[in-house]
Amino acid sequence: MKKVTAFVMDLCPYCAGSKRAVKELIAEDDRYAAVDIDWINEKEHPEMTEEYDYYYCPAFFVDGEKVYEAHPGEEYDSIRENVNRVLDAALEA
């Protein structure tokens, strides 16, 4: 399984939506429960952001490659669809 790193911020509605999506997707497909996501709060660990290229949160990287970065105004359905892509990418051999 591939490593997932997610950069998030407190009080970010898109970050909250991504965490909600992960929970919902795990409830629908228990294969996703095996995916280990390293949730990194960028305000608490700014030094960790230097290795990654992103602007908006949440930003998800699978084995160091950006798979999803939220954008302003994004609706929950889009967030959920993109988080699903992240989880699928992590499960790929």
PDB file of N, CA and C in Angstrom:
ATOM      1  N   MET A   1       0.843  -1.179   0.000  1.00  0.00           N
ATOM      2  CA  MET A   1       0.000   0.000   0.000  1.00  0.00           C
ATOM      3  C   MET A   1       0.887   1.240   0.000  1.00  0.00           C
ATOM      4  N   LYS A   2       0.405   2.252  -0.685  1.00  0.00           N
ATOM      5  CA  LYS A   2       1.173   3.483  -0.813  1.00  0.00           C
ATOM      6  C   LYS A   2       0.892   4.430   0.350  1.00  0.00           C
ATOM      7  N   LYS A   3       1.876   5.261   0.647  1.00  0.00           N
ATOM      8  CA  LYS A   3       1.774   6.216   1.744  1.00  0.00           C
ATOM      9  C   LYS A   3       0.950   7.431   1.317  1.00  0.00           C
ATOM     10  N   VAL A   4       0.029   7.857   2.183  1.00  0.00           N
ATOM     11  CA  VAL A   4      -0.785   9.040   1.923  1.00  0.00           C
ATOM     12  C   VAL A   4      -0.436  10.114   2.948  1.00  0.00           C
ATOM     13  N   THR A   5      -0.143  11.297   2.441  1.00  0.00           N
ATOM     14  CA  THR A   5       0.118  12.459   3.278  1.00  0.00           C
ATOM     15  C   THR A   5      -0.918  13.511   2.918  1.00  0.00           C
ATOM     16  N   ALA A   6      -1.585  14.049   3.942  1.00  0.00           N
ATOM     17  CA  ALA A   6      -2.610  15.077   3.716  1.00  0.00           C
ATOM     18  C   ALA A   6      -2.285  16.301   4.553  1.00  0.00           C
ATOM     19  N   PHE A   7      -2.209  17.441   3.895  1.00  0.00           N
ATOM     20  CA  PHE A   7      -1.985  18.706   4.588  1.00  0.00           C
ATOM     21  C   PHE A   7      -3.325  19.374   4.808  1.00  0.00           C
ATOM     22  N   VAL A   8      -3.585  19.733   6.058  1.00  0.00           N
ATOM     23  CA  VAL A   8      -4.869  20.325   6.442  1.00  0.00           C
ATOM     24  C   VAL A   8      -4.626  21.525   7.348  1.00  0.00           C
ATOM     25  N   MET A   9      -5.711  22.283   7.546  1.00  0.00           N
ATOM     26  CA  MET A   9      -5.669  23.430   8.459  1.00  0.00           C
ATOM     27  C   MET A   9      -6.905  23.381   9.351  1.00  0.00           C
ATOM     28  N   ASP A  10      -6.752  23.893  10.575  1.00  0.00           N
ATOM     29  CA  ASP A  10      -7.894  24.004  11.484  1.00  0.00           C
ATOM     30  C   ASP A  10      -8.925  24.957  10.885  1.00  0.00           C
ATOM     31  N   LEU A  11     -10.175  24.676  11.129  1.00  0.00           N
ATOM     32  CA  LEU A  11     -11.299  25.512  10.714  1.00  0.00           C
ATOM     33  C   LEU A  11     -11.472  25.628   9.205  1.00  0.00           C
ATOM     34  N   CYS A  12     -10.800  24.823   8.441  1.00  0.00           N
ATOM     35  CA  CYS A  12     -10.928  24.812   6.986  1.00  0.00           C
ATOM     36  C   CYS A  12     -12.123  23.937   6.609  1.00  0.00           C
ATOM     37  N   PRO A  13     -13.146  24.488   5.959  1.00  0.00           N
ATOM     38  CA  PRO A  13     -14.316  23.683   5.622  1.00  0.00           C
ATOM     39  C   PRO A  13     -14.010  22.579   4.607  1.00  0.00           C
ATOM     40  N   TYR A  14     -13.043  22.809   3.733  1.00  0.00           N
ATOM     41  CA  TYR A  14     -12.680  21.796   2.745  1.00  0.00           C
ATOM     42  C   TYR A  14     -11.929  20.637   3.403  1.00  0.00           C
ATOM     43  N   CYS A  15     -11.113  20.964   4.396  1.00  0.00           N
ATOM     44  CA  CYS A  15     -10.407  19.930   5.158  1.00  0.00           C
ATOM     45  C   CYS A  15     -11.413  19.090   5.946  1.00  0.00           C
ATOM     46  N   ALA A  16     -12.365  19.758   6.570  1.00  0.00           N
ATOM     47  CA  ALA A  16     -13.411  19.038   7.304  1.00  0.00           C
ATOM     48  C   ALA A  16     -14.195  18.146   6.352  1.00  0.00           C
ATOM     49  N   GLY A  17     -14.476  18.649   5.166  1.00  0.00           N
ATOM     50  CA  GLY A  17     -15.184  17.848   4.170  1.00  0.00           C
ATOM     51  C   GLY A  17     -14.393  16.635   3.741  1.00  0.00           C
ATOM     52  N   SER A  18     -13.075  16.782   3.620  1.00  0.00           N
ATOM     53  CA  SER A  18     -12.250  15.643   3.217  1.00  0.00           C
ATOM     54  C   SER A  18     -12.220  14.575   4.303  1.00  0.00           C
ATOM     55  N   LYS A  19     -12.174  14.989   5.557  1.00  0.00           N
ATOM     56  CA  LYS A  19     -12.193  14.015   6.654  1.00  0.00           C
ATOM     57  C   LYS A  19     -13.547  13.308   6.721  1.00  0.00           C
ATOM     58  N   ARG A  20     -14.609  14.071   6.489  1.00  0.00           N
ATOM     59  CA  ARG A  20     -15.949  13.470   6.437  1.00  0.00           C
ATOM     60  C   ARG A  20     -16.032  12.448   5.301  1.00  0.00           C
ATOM     61  N   ALA A  21     -15.484  12.800   4.148  1.00  0.00           N
ATOM     62  CA  ALA A  21     -15.504  11.911   2.994  1.00  0.00           C
ATOM     63  C   ALA A  21     -14.751  10.611   3.284  1.00  0.00           C
ATOM     64  N   VAL A  22     -13.603  10.715   3.941  1.00  0.00           N
ATOM     65  CA  VAL A  22     -12.842   9.509   4.286  1.00  0.00           C
ATOM     66  C   VAL A  22     -13.695   8.590   5.153  1.00  0.00           C
ATOM     67  N   LYS A  23     -14.345   9.132   6.169  1.00  0.00           N
ATOM     68  CA  LYS A  23     -15.185   8.320   7.054  1.00  0.00           C
ATOM     69  C   LYS A  23     -16.328   7.663   6.292  1.00  0.00           C
ATOM     70  N   GLU A  24     -16.981   8.421   5.430  1.00  0.00           N
ATOM     71  CA  GLU A  24     -18.089   7.873   4.652  1.00  0.00           C
ATOM     72  C   GLU A  24     -17.620   6.774   3.706  1.00  0.00           C
ATOM     73  N   LEU A  25     -16.500   7.003   3.043  1.00  0.00           N
ATOM     74  CA  LEU A  25     -15.992   6.020   2.087  1.00  0.00           C
ATOM     75  C   LEU A  25     -15.562   4.734   2.787  1.00  0.00           C
ATOM     76  N   ILE A  26     -14.980   4.849   3.970  1.00  0.00           N
ATOM     77  CA  ILE A  26     -14.612   3.658   4.741  1.00  0.00           C
ATOM     78  C   ILE A  26     -15.866   2.885   5.138  1.00  0.00           C
ATOM     79  N   ALA A  27     -16.918   3.600   5.519  1.00  0.00           N
ATOM     80  CA  ALA A  27     -18.174   2.952   5.897  1.00  0.00           C
ATOM     81  C   ALA A  27     -18.786   2.202   4.712  1.00  0.00           C
ATOM     82  N   GLU A  28     -18.559   2.691   3.504  1.00  0.00           N
ATOM     83  CA  GLU A  28     -19.109   2.065   2.304  1.00  0.00           C
ATOM     84  C   GLU A  28     -18.231   0.950   1.763  1.00  0.00           C
ATOM     85  N   ASP A  29     -16.933   1.033   1.996  1.00  0.00           N
ATOM     86  CA  ASP A  29     -15.992   0.035   1.470  1.00  0.00           C
ATOM     87  C   ASP A  29     -14.862  -0.142   2.482  1.00  0.00           C
ATOM     88  N   ASP A  30     -14.895  -1.239   3.206  1.00  0.00           N
ATOM     89  CA  ASP A  30     -13.928  -1.430   4.295  1.00  0.00           C
ATOM     90  C   ASP A  30     -12.489  -1.603   3.821  1.00  0.00           C
ATOM     91  N   ARG A  31     -12.261  -1.766   2.515  1.00  0.00           N
ATOM     92  CA  ARG A  31     -10.877  -1.813   2.009  1.00  0.00           C
ATOM     93  C   ARG A  31     -10.150  -0.500   2.319  1.00  0.00           C
ATOM     94  N   TYR A  32     -10.896   0.596   2.329  1.00  0.00           N
ATOM     95  CA  TYR A  32     -10.293   1.907   2.567  1.00  0.00           C
ATOM     96  C   TYR A  32      -9.809   2.074   4.007  1.00  0.00           C
ATOM     97  N   ALA A  33     -10.303   1.263   4.916  1.00  0.00           N
ATOM     98  CA  ALA A  33      -9.864   1.352   6.314  1.00  0.00           C
ATOM     99  C   ALA A  33      -8.380   1.023   6.452  1.00  0.00           C
ATOM    100  N   ALA A  34      -7.844   0.283   5.501  1.00  0.00           N
ATOM    101  CA  ALA A  34      -6.425  -0.098   5.544  1.00  0.00           C
ATOM    102  C   ALA A  34      -5.497   1.046   5.126  1.00  0.00           C
ATOM    103  N   VAL A  35      -6.047   2.077   4.511  1.00  0.00           N
ATOM    104  CA  VAL A  35      -5.229   3.206   4.052  1.00  0.00           C
ATOM    105  C   VAL A  35      -4.862   4.071   5.255  1.00  0.00           C
ATOM    106  N   ASP A  36      -3.572   4.230   5.453  1.00  0.00           N
ATOM    107  CA  ASP A  36      -3.071   5.053   6.551  1.00  0.00           C
ATOM    108  C   ASP A  36      -2.789   6.451   6.019  1.00  0.00           C
ATOM    109  N   ILE A  37      -3.543   7.420   6.524  1.00  0.00           N
ATOM    110  CA  ILE A  37      -3.367   8.806   6.093  1.00  0.00           C
ATOM    111  C   ILE A  37      -2.648   9.573   7.195  1.00  0.00           C
ATOM    112  N   ASP A  38      -1.539  10.178   6.828  1.00  0.00           N
ATOM    113  CA  ASP A  38      -0.785  11.022   7.749  1.00  0.00           C
ATOM    114  C   ASP A  38      -1.338  12.439   7.621  1.00  0.00           C
ATOM    115  N   TRP A  39      -2.230  12.820   8.555  1.00  0.00           N
ATOM    116  CA  TRP A  39      -2.847  14.145   8.541  1.00  0.00           C
ATOM    117  C   TRP A  39      -1.876  15.134   9.178  1.00  0.00           C
ATOM    118  N   ILE A  40      -1.408  16.094   8.413  1.00  0.00           N
ATOM    119  CA  ILE A  40      -0.430  17.064   8.909  1.00  0.00           C
ATOM    120  C   ILE A  40      -1.075  18.447   8.935  1.00  0.00           C
ATOM    121  N   ASN A  41      -1.151  19.011  10.121  1.00  0.00           N
ATOM    122  CA  ASN A  41      -1.651  20.371  10.268  1.00  0.00           C
ATOM    123  C   ASN A  41      -0.511  21.314   9.896  1.00  0.00           C
ATOM    124  N   GLU A  42      -0.683  22.048   8.798  1.00  0.00           N
ATOM    125  CA  GLU A  42       0.430  22.863   8.293  1.00  0.00           C
ATOM    126  C   GLU A  42       0.806  24.011   9.220  1.00  0.00           C
ATOM    127  N   LYS A  43      -0.086  24.447  10.070  1.00  0.00           N
ATOM    128  CA  LYS A  43       0.246  25.508  11.039  1.00  0.00           C
ATOM    129  C   LYS A  43       1.129  24.955  12.160  1.00  0.00           C
ATOM    130  N   GLU A  44       0.922  23.691  12.530  1.00  0.00           N
ATOM    131  CA  GLU A  44       1.706  23.073  13.592  1.00  0.00           C
ATOM    132  C   GLU A  44       3.049  22.551  13.095  1.00  0.00           C
ATOM    133  N   HIS A  45       3.128  22.220  11.807  1.00  0.00           N
ATOM    134  CA  HIS A  45       4.353  21.643  11.237  1.00  0.00           C
ATOM    135  C   HIS A  45       4.703  22.316   9.911  1.00  0.00           C
ATOM    136  N   PRO A  46       4.963  23.619   9.929  1.00  0.00           N
ATOM    137  CA  PRO A  46       5.255  24.323   8.670  1.00  0.00           C
ATOM    138  C   PRO A  46       6.515  23.812   7.972  1.00  0.00           C
ATOM    139  N   GLU A  47       7.437  23.266   8.723  1.00  0.00           N
ATOM    140  CA  GLU A  47       8.670  22.753   8.123  1.00  0.00           C
ATOM    141  C   GLU A  47       8.399  21.590   7.171  1.00  0.00           C
ATOM    142  N   MET A  48       7.321  20.866   7.396  1.00  0.00           N
ATOM    143  CA  MET A  48       7.005  19.703   6.558  1.00  0.00           C
ATOM    144  C   MET A  48       6.427  20.119   5.207  1.00  0.00           C
ATOM    145  N   THR A  49       5.920  21.330   5.101  1.00  0.00           N
ATOM    146  CA  THR A  49       5.300  21.770   3.852  1.00  0.00           C
ATOM    147  C   THR A  49       6.334  22.090   2.777  1.00  0.00           C
ATOM    148  N   GLU A  50       7.568  22.309   3.173  1.00  0.00           N
ATOM    149  CA  GLU A  50       8.607  22.711   2.228  1.00  0.00           C
ATOM    150  C   GLU A  50       8.909  21.652   1.175  1.00  0.00           C
ATOM    151  N   GLU A  51       8.651  20.401   1.498  1.00  0.00           N
ATOM    152  CA  GLU A  51       8.940  19.303   0.574  1.00  0.00           C
ATOM    153  C   GLU A  51       7.859  19.112  -0.481  1.00  0.00           C
ATOM    154  N   TYR A  52       6.725  19.769  -0.311  1.00  0.00           N
ATOM    155  CA  TYR A  52       5.560  19.508  -1.151  1.00  0.00           C
ATOM    156  C   TYR A  52       5.127  20.761  -1.895  1.00  0.00           C
ATOM    157  N   ASP A  53       4.608  20.566  -3.103  1.00  0.00           N
ATOM    158  CA  ASP A  53       4.150  21.671  -3.943  1.00  0.00           C
ATOM    159  C   ASP A  53       2.624  21.719  -3.945  1.00  0.00           C
ATOM    160  N   TYR A  54       2.066  22.668  -3.189  1.00  0.00           N
ATOM    161  CA  TYR A  54       0.625  22.880  -3.161  1.00  0.00           C
ATOM    162  C   TYR A  54       0.352  24.285  -2.651  1.00  0.00           C
ATOM    163  N   TYR A  55      -0.870  24.756  -2.878  1.00  0.00           N
ATOM    164  CA  TYR A  55      -1.259  26.084  -2.434  1.00  0.00           C
ATOM    165  C   TYR A  55      -2.443  26.026  -1.478  1.00  0.00           C
ATOM    166  N   TYR A  56      -3.454  25.208  -1.830  1.00  0.00           N
ATOM    167  CA  TYR A  56      -4.672  25.115  -1.033  1.00  0.00           C
ATOM    168  C   TYR A  56      -4.719  23.833  -0.209  1.00  0.00           C
ATOM    169  N   CYS A  57      -5.461  23.905   0.878  1.00  0.00           N
ATOM    170  CA  CYS A  57      -5.711  22.736   1.718  1.00  0.00           C
ATOM    171  C   CYS A  57      -7.163  22.312   1.566  1.00  0.00           C
ATOM    172  N   PRO A  58      -7.428  21.037   1.691  1.00  0.00           N
ATOM    173  CA  PRO A  58      -6.461  19.980   1.891  1.00  0.00           C
ATOM    174  C   PRO A  58      -5.711  19.666   0.601  1.00  0.00           C
ATOM    175  N   ALA A  59      -4.532  19.143   0.783  1.00  0.00           N
ATOM    176  CA  ALA A  59      -3.727  18.653  -0.325  1.00  0.00           C
ATOM    177  C   ALA A  59      -3.293  17.230   0.024  1.00  0.00           C
ATOM    178  N   PHE A  60      -3.573  16.308  -0.876  1.00  0.00           N
ATOM    179  CA  PHE A  60      -3.274  14.889  -0.652  1.00  0.00           C
ATOM    180  C   PHE A  60      -2.181  14.430  -1.598  1.00  0.00           C
ATOM    181  N   PHE A  61      -1.195  13.752  -1.028  1.00  0.00           N
ATOM    182  CA  PHE A  61      -0.086  13.195  -1.792  1.00  0.00           C
ATOM    183  C   PHE A  61      -0.033  11.689  -1.547  1.00  0.00           C
ATOM    184  N   VAL A  62       0.134  10.937  -2.627  1.00  0.00           N
ATOM    185  CA  VAL A  62       0.277   9.487  -2.530  1.00  0.00           C
ATOM    186  C   VAL A  62       1.694   9.160  -2.986  1.00  0.00           C
ATOM    187  N   ASP A  63       2.471   8.603  -2.076  1.00  0.00           N
ATOM    188  CA  ASP A  63       3.895   8.347  -2.326  1.00  0.00           C
ATOM    189  C   ASP A  63       4.600   9.591  -2.875  1.00  0.00           C
ATOM    190  N   GLY A  64       4.284  10.753  -2.313  1.00  0.00           N
ATOM    191  CA  GLY A  64       4.949  11.995  -2.681  1.00  0.00           C
ATOM    192  C   GLY A  64       4.387  12.698  -3.902  1.00  0.00           C
ATOM    193  N   GLU A  65       3.452  12.076  -4.613  1.00  0.00           N
ATOM    194  CA  GLU A  65       2.861  12.682  -5.805  1.00  0.00           C
ATOM    195  C   GLU A  65       1.496  13.273  -5.471  1.00  0.00           C
ATOM    196  N   LYS A  66       1.293  14.533  -5.849  1.00  0.00           N
ATOM    197  CA  LYS A  66       0.012  15.178  -5.554  1.00  0.00           C
ATOM    198  C   LYS A  66      -1.091  14.524  -6.377  1.00  0.00           C
ATOM    199  N   VAL A  67      -2.124  14.072  -5.665  1.00  0.00           N
ATOM    200  CA  VAL A  67      -3.270  13.453  -6.311  1.00  0.00           C
ATOM    201  C   VAL A  67      -4.481  14.379  -6.247  1.00  0.00           C
ATOM    202  N   TYR A  68      -4.561  15.184  -5.189  1.00  0.00           N
ATOM    203  CA  TYR A  68      -5.705  16.076  -5.040  1.00  0.00           C
ATOM    204  C   TYR A  68      -5.339  17.287  -4.199  1.00  0.00           C
ATOM    205  N   GLU A  69      -5.762  18.452  -4.693  1.00  0.00           N
ATOM    206  CA  GLU A  69      -5.646  19.701  -3.956  1.00  0.00           C
ATOM    207  C   GLU A  69      -6.981  20.433  -4.100  1.00  0.00           C
ATOM    208  N   ALA A  70      -7.580  20.779  -2.984  1.00  0.00           N
ATOM    209  CA  ALA A  70      -8.870  21.467  -3.015  1.00  0.00           C
ATOM    210  C   ALA A  70      -8.722  22.843  -3.650  1.00  0.00           C
ATOM    211  N   HIS A  71      -9.852  23.408  -4.039  1.00  0.00           N
ATOM    212  CA  HIS A  71      -9.848  24.766  -4.567  1.00  0.00           C
ATOM    213  C   HIS A  71     -11.037  25.529  -3.997  1.00  0.00           C
ATOM    214  N   PRO A  72     -10.917  26.839  -3.876  1.00  0.00           N
ATOM    215  CA  PRO A  72     -11.992  27.645  -3.284  1.00  0.00           C
ATOM    216  C   PRO A  72     -13.321  27.436  -4.013  1.00  0.00           C
ATOM    217  N   GLY A  73     -14.369  27.305  -3.229  1.00  0.00           N
ATOM    218  CA  GLY A  73     -15.696  27.138  -3.783  1.00  0.00           C
ATOM    219  C   GLY A  73     -16.060  25.721  -4.147  1.00  0.00           C
ATOM    220  N   GLU A  74     -15.158  24.783  -3.903  1.00  0.00           N
ATOM    221  CA  GLU A  74     -15.410  23.385  -4.261  1.00  0.00           C
ATOM    222  C   GLU A  74     -16.566  22.819  -3.428  1.00  0.00           C
ATOM    223  N   GLU A  75     -17.461  22.145  -4.080  1.00  0.00           N
ATOM    224  CA  GLU A  75     -18.610  21.530  -3.418  1.00  0.00           C
ATOM    225  C   GLU A  75     -18.205  20.193  -2.799  1.00  0.00           C
ATOM    226  N   TYR A  76     -18.976  19.765  -1.797  1.00  0.00           N
ATOM    227  CA  TYR A  76     -18.656  18.526  -1.092  1.00  0.00           C
ATOM    228  C   TYR A  76     -18.592  17.322  -2.031  1.00  0.00           C
ATOM    229  N   ASP A  77     -19.505  17.229  -2.990  1.00  0.00           N
ATOM    230  CA  ASP A  77     -19.501  16.069  -3.898  1.00  0.00           C
ATOM    231  C   ASP A  77     -18.179  15.952  -4.648  1.00  0.00           C
ATOM    232  N   SER A  78     -17.605  17.079  -5.026  1.00  0.00           N
ATOM    233  CA  SER A  78     -16.315  17.071  -5.703  1.00  0.00           C
ATOM    234  C   SER A  78     -15.200  16.659  -4.745  1.00  0.00           C
ATOM    235  N   ILE A  79     -15.245  17.173  -3.530  1.00  0.00           N
ATOM    236  CA  ILE A  79     -14.251  16.776  -2.514  1.00  0.00           C
ATOM    237  C   ILE A  79     -14.293  15.275  -2.315  1.00  0.00           C
ATOM    238  N   ARG A  80     -15.500  14.739  -2.144  1.00  0.00           N
ATOM    239  CA  ARG A  80     -15.665  13.300  -1.901  1.00  0.00           C
ATOM    240  C   ARG A  80     -15.140  12.470  -3.074  1.00  0.00           C
ATOM    241  N   GLU A  81     -15.450  12.890  -4.280  1.00  0.00           N
ATOM    242  CA  GLU A  81     -14.982  12.184  -5.473  1.00  0.00           C
ATOM    243  C   GLU A  81     -13.450  12.172  -5.529  1.00  0.00           C
ATOM    244  N   ASN A  82     -12.837  13.306  -5.209  1.00  0.00           N
ATOM    245  CA  ASN A  82     -11.382  13.394  -5.239  1.00  0.00           C
ATOM    246  C   ASN A  82     -10.731  12.601  -4.109  1.00  0.00           C
ATOM    247  N   VAL A  83     -11.328  12.612  -2.935  1.00  0.00           N
ATOM    248  CA  VAL A  83     -10.803  11.799  -1.834  1.00  0.00           C
ATOM    249  C   VAL A  83     -10.911  10.317  -2.200  1.00  0.00           C
ATOM    250  N   ASN A  84     -11.966   9.953  -2.889  1.00  0.00           N
ATOM    251  CA  ASN A  84     -12.109   8.571  -3.350  1.00  0.00           C
ATOM    252  C   ASN A  84     -10.956   8.200  -4.291  1.00  0.00           C
ATOM    253  N   ARG A  85     -10.581   9.134  -5.179  1.00  0.00           N
ATOM    254  CA  ARG A  85      -9.437   8.895  -6.078  1.00  0.00           C
ATOM    255  C   ARG A  85      -8.146   8.699  -5.287  1.00  0.00           C
ATOM    256  N   VAL A  86      -7.975   9.484  -4.228  1.00  0.00           N
ATOM    257  CA  VAL A  86      -6.789   9.367  -3.378  1.00  0.00           C
ATOM    258  C   VAL A  86      -6.733   7.974  -2.745  1.00  0.00           C
ATOM    259  N   LEU A  87      -7.840   7.545  -2.170  1.00  0.00           N
ATOM    260  CA  LEU A  87      -7.871   6.236  -1.514  1.00  0.00           C
ATOM    261  C   LEU A  87      -7.629   5.118  -2.516  1.00  0.00           C
ATOM    262  N   ASP A  88      -8.223   5.227  -3.691  1.00  0.00           N
ATOM    263  CA  ASP A  88      -7.987   4.219  -4.745  1.00  0.00           C
ATOM    264  C   ASP A  88      -6.515   4.195  -5.152  1.00  0.00           C
ATOM    265  N   ALA A  89      -5.913   5.359  -5.290  1.00  0.00           N
ATOM    266  CA  ALA A  89      -4.501   5.432  -5.666  1.00  0.00           C
ATOM    267  C   ALA A  89      -3.617   4.793  -4.600  1.00  0.00           C
ATOM    268  N   ALA A  90      -3.988   4.961  -3.350  1.00  0.00           N
ATOM    269  CA  ALA A  90      -3.201   4.381  -2.265  1.00  0.00           C
ATOM    270  C   ALA A  90      -3.285   2.851  -2.257  1.00  0.00           C
ATOM    271  N   LEU A  91      -4.393   2.320  -2.714  1.00  0.00           N
ATOM    272  CA  LEU A  91      -4.577   0.865  -2.729  1.00  0.00           C
ATOM    273  C   LEU A  91      -3.932   0.184  -3.933  1.00  0.00           C
ATOM    274  N   GLU A  92      -3.597   0.970  -4.956  1.00  0.00           N
ATOM    275  CA  GLU A  92      -2.980   0.384  -6.159  1.00  0.00           C
ATOM    276  C   GLU A  92      -1.627  -0.219  -5.800  1.00  0.00           C
ATOM    277  N   ALA A  93      -1.367  -1.348  -6.419  1.00  0.00           N
ATOM    278  CA  ALA A  93      -0.091  -2.040  -6.153  1.00  0.00           C
ATOM    279  C   ALA A  93       1.052  -1.395  -6.884  1.00  0.00           C
TER     280      ALA A  93
END
